[in-house]
Amino acid sequence: MIWKIDTYWLVMAVIVVSMLSYLFGYALDRIMENDGFGPVGNMLILVICFFGGIYLANMYGYRFRSIPYAVAAGVTAGFIGLAFLALLKGLLYRTS
């Protein structure tokens, strides 16, 4: 799916995902406090995992025929990535 998008739409997707990820990252920073990565750190993790999740799904043969399925897969990957890294950070801080 990512390979069949024009450059314009890919840039627009990155911009929209970045803006929404910053809003979610800011809210999650207020909720998670010291266990989070800051608003920009949360945003970067969400954006990278969003597009990484779609890319990995495409690489393993999943083709998203419509945008809502791709968005659902990307959001799921983003929050799974953020939860995993927050869990890893919490474990590393509490064991040292």
Protein backbone atom coordinates (compact mmCIF):
# COMPACT_ATOMS: atom_id res chain seq x y z
CA MET A 1 0.00 0.00 0.00
CA ILE A 2 2.79 2.44 0.80
CA TRP A 3 4.45 1.74 -2.53
CA LYS A 4 1.37 2.68 -4.57
CA ILE A 5 0.91 6.13 -3.01
CA ASP A 6 1.97 9.29 -4.81
CA THR A 7 4.62 11.42 -3.14
CA TYR A 8 2.05 14.12 -2.35
CA TRP A 9 -0.25 11.72 -0.52
CA LEU A 10 2.63 10.10 1.33
CA VAL A 11 3.81 13.50 2.58
CA MET A 12 0.25 14.40 3.57
CA ALA A 13 -0.08 11.10 5.43
CA VAL A 14 3.15 11.72 7.33
CA ILE A 15 2.01 15.25 8.22
CA VAL A 16 -1.44 14.15 9.42
CA VAL A 17 -0.06 11.19 11.38
CA SER A 18 2.60 13.43 12.94
CA MET A 19 0.06 16.03 14.02
CA LEU A 20 -2.29 13.49 15.55
CA SER A 21 0.60 11.62 17.15
CA TYR A 22 1.79 14.83 18.81
CA LEU A 23 -1.66 15.34 20.33
CA PHE A 24 -1.74 11.75 21.58
CA GLY A 25 1.88 12.02 22.71
CA TYR A 26 1.15 15.16 24.71
CA ALA A 27 -1.87 13.57 26.39
CA LEU A 28 0.05 10.38 27.12
CA ASP A 29 2.94 12.40 28.56
CA ARG A 30 0.54 13.95 31.07
CA ILE A 31 -0.87 10.53 31.93
CA MET A 32 2.39 8.56 32.08
CA GLU A 33 4.51 11.36 33.60
CA ASN A 34 8.00 9.95 34.33
CA ASP A 35 7.28 6.60 32.66
CA GLY A 36 6.77 8.31 29.29
CA PHE A 37 9.23 9.75 26.80
CA GLY A 38 8.01 13.36 26.63
CA PRO A 39 5.53 14.68 24.07
CA VAL A 40 7.98 14.64 21.16
CA GLY A 41 9.45 11.26 22.13
CA ASN A 42 5.98 9.73 22.34
CA MET A 43 5.14 11.31 18.97
CA LEU A 44 8.25 9.90 17.31
CA ILE A 45 7.58 6.42 18.66
CA LEU A 46 3.96 6.53 17.49
CA VAL A 47 4.86 7.79 14.00
CA ILE A 48 7.71 5.32 13.47
CA CYS A 49 5.67 2.38 14.73
CA PHE A 50 2.62 3.50 12.69
CA PHE A 51 4.43 3.43 9.38
CA GLY A 52 6.62 0.52 10.46
CA GLY A 53 3.55 -1.56 11.27
CA ILE A 54 1.99 -0.86 7.87
CA TYR A 55 5.30 -1.61 6.16
CA LEU A 56 5.76 -4.90 8.02
CA ALA A 57 2.19 -5.95 7.29
CA ASN A 58 2.76 -5.24 3.59
CA MET A 59 6.05 -7.10 3.70
CA TYR A 60 4.34 -10.20 5.12
CA GLY A 61 1.71 -10.14 2.39
CA TYR A 62 -1.19 -8.27 3.97
CA ARG A 63 -2.68 -5.90 1.43
CA PHE A 64 -4.94 -3.20 2.76
CA ARG A 65 -7.75 -2.67 0.26
CA SER A 66 -9.13 0.36 2.08
CA ILE A 67 -7.72 3.16 4.20
CA PRO A 68 -9.55 2.32 7.48
CA TYR A 69 -7.87 -1.09 7.68
CA ALA A 70 -4.44 0.45 7.14
CA VAL A 71 -5.13 3.14 9.75
CA ALA A 72 -6.32 0.52 12.25
CA ALA A 73 -3.19 -1.55 11.68
CA GLY A 74 -0.95 1.51 12.00
CA VAL A 75 -2.60 2.80 15.18
CA THR A 76 -2.43 -0.66 16.72
CA ALA A 77 1.25 -0.97 15.86
CA GLY A 78 1.93 2.52 17.23
CA PHE A 79 0.34 1.89 20.59
CA ILE A 80 1.84 -1.60 20.89
CA GLY A 81 5.27 -0.10 20.20
CA LEU A 82 4.76 2.68 22.74
CA ALA A 83 3.48 0.24 25.38
CA PHE A 84 6.40 -2.13 24.79
CA LEU A 85 9.00 0.64 25.05
CA ALA A 86 7.34 2.12 28.16
CA LEU A 87 7.31 -1.34 29.74
CA LEU A 88 10.97 -1.83 28.83
CA LYS A 89 11.85 1.59 30.26
CA GLY A 90 9.97 0.83 33.47
CA LEU A 91 11.69 -2.52 33.87
CA LEU A 92 15.14 -1.07 33.24
CA TYR A 93 14.64 1.76 35.74
CA ARG A 94 13.24 -0.48 38.43
CA THR A 95 15.85 -3.22 38.14
CA SER A 96 18.91 -0.98 38.26
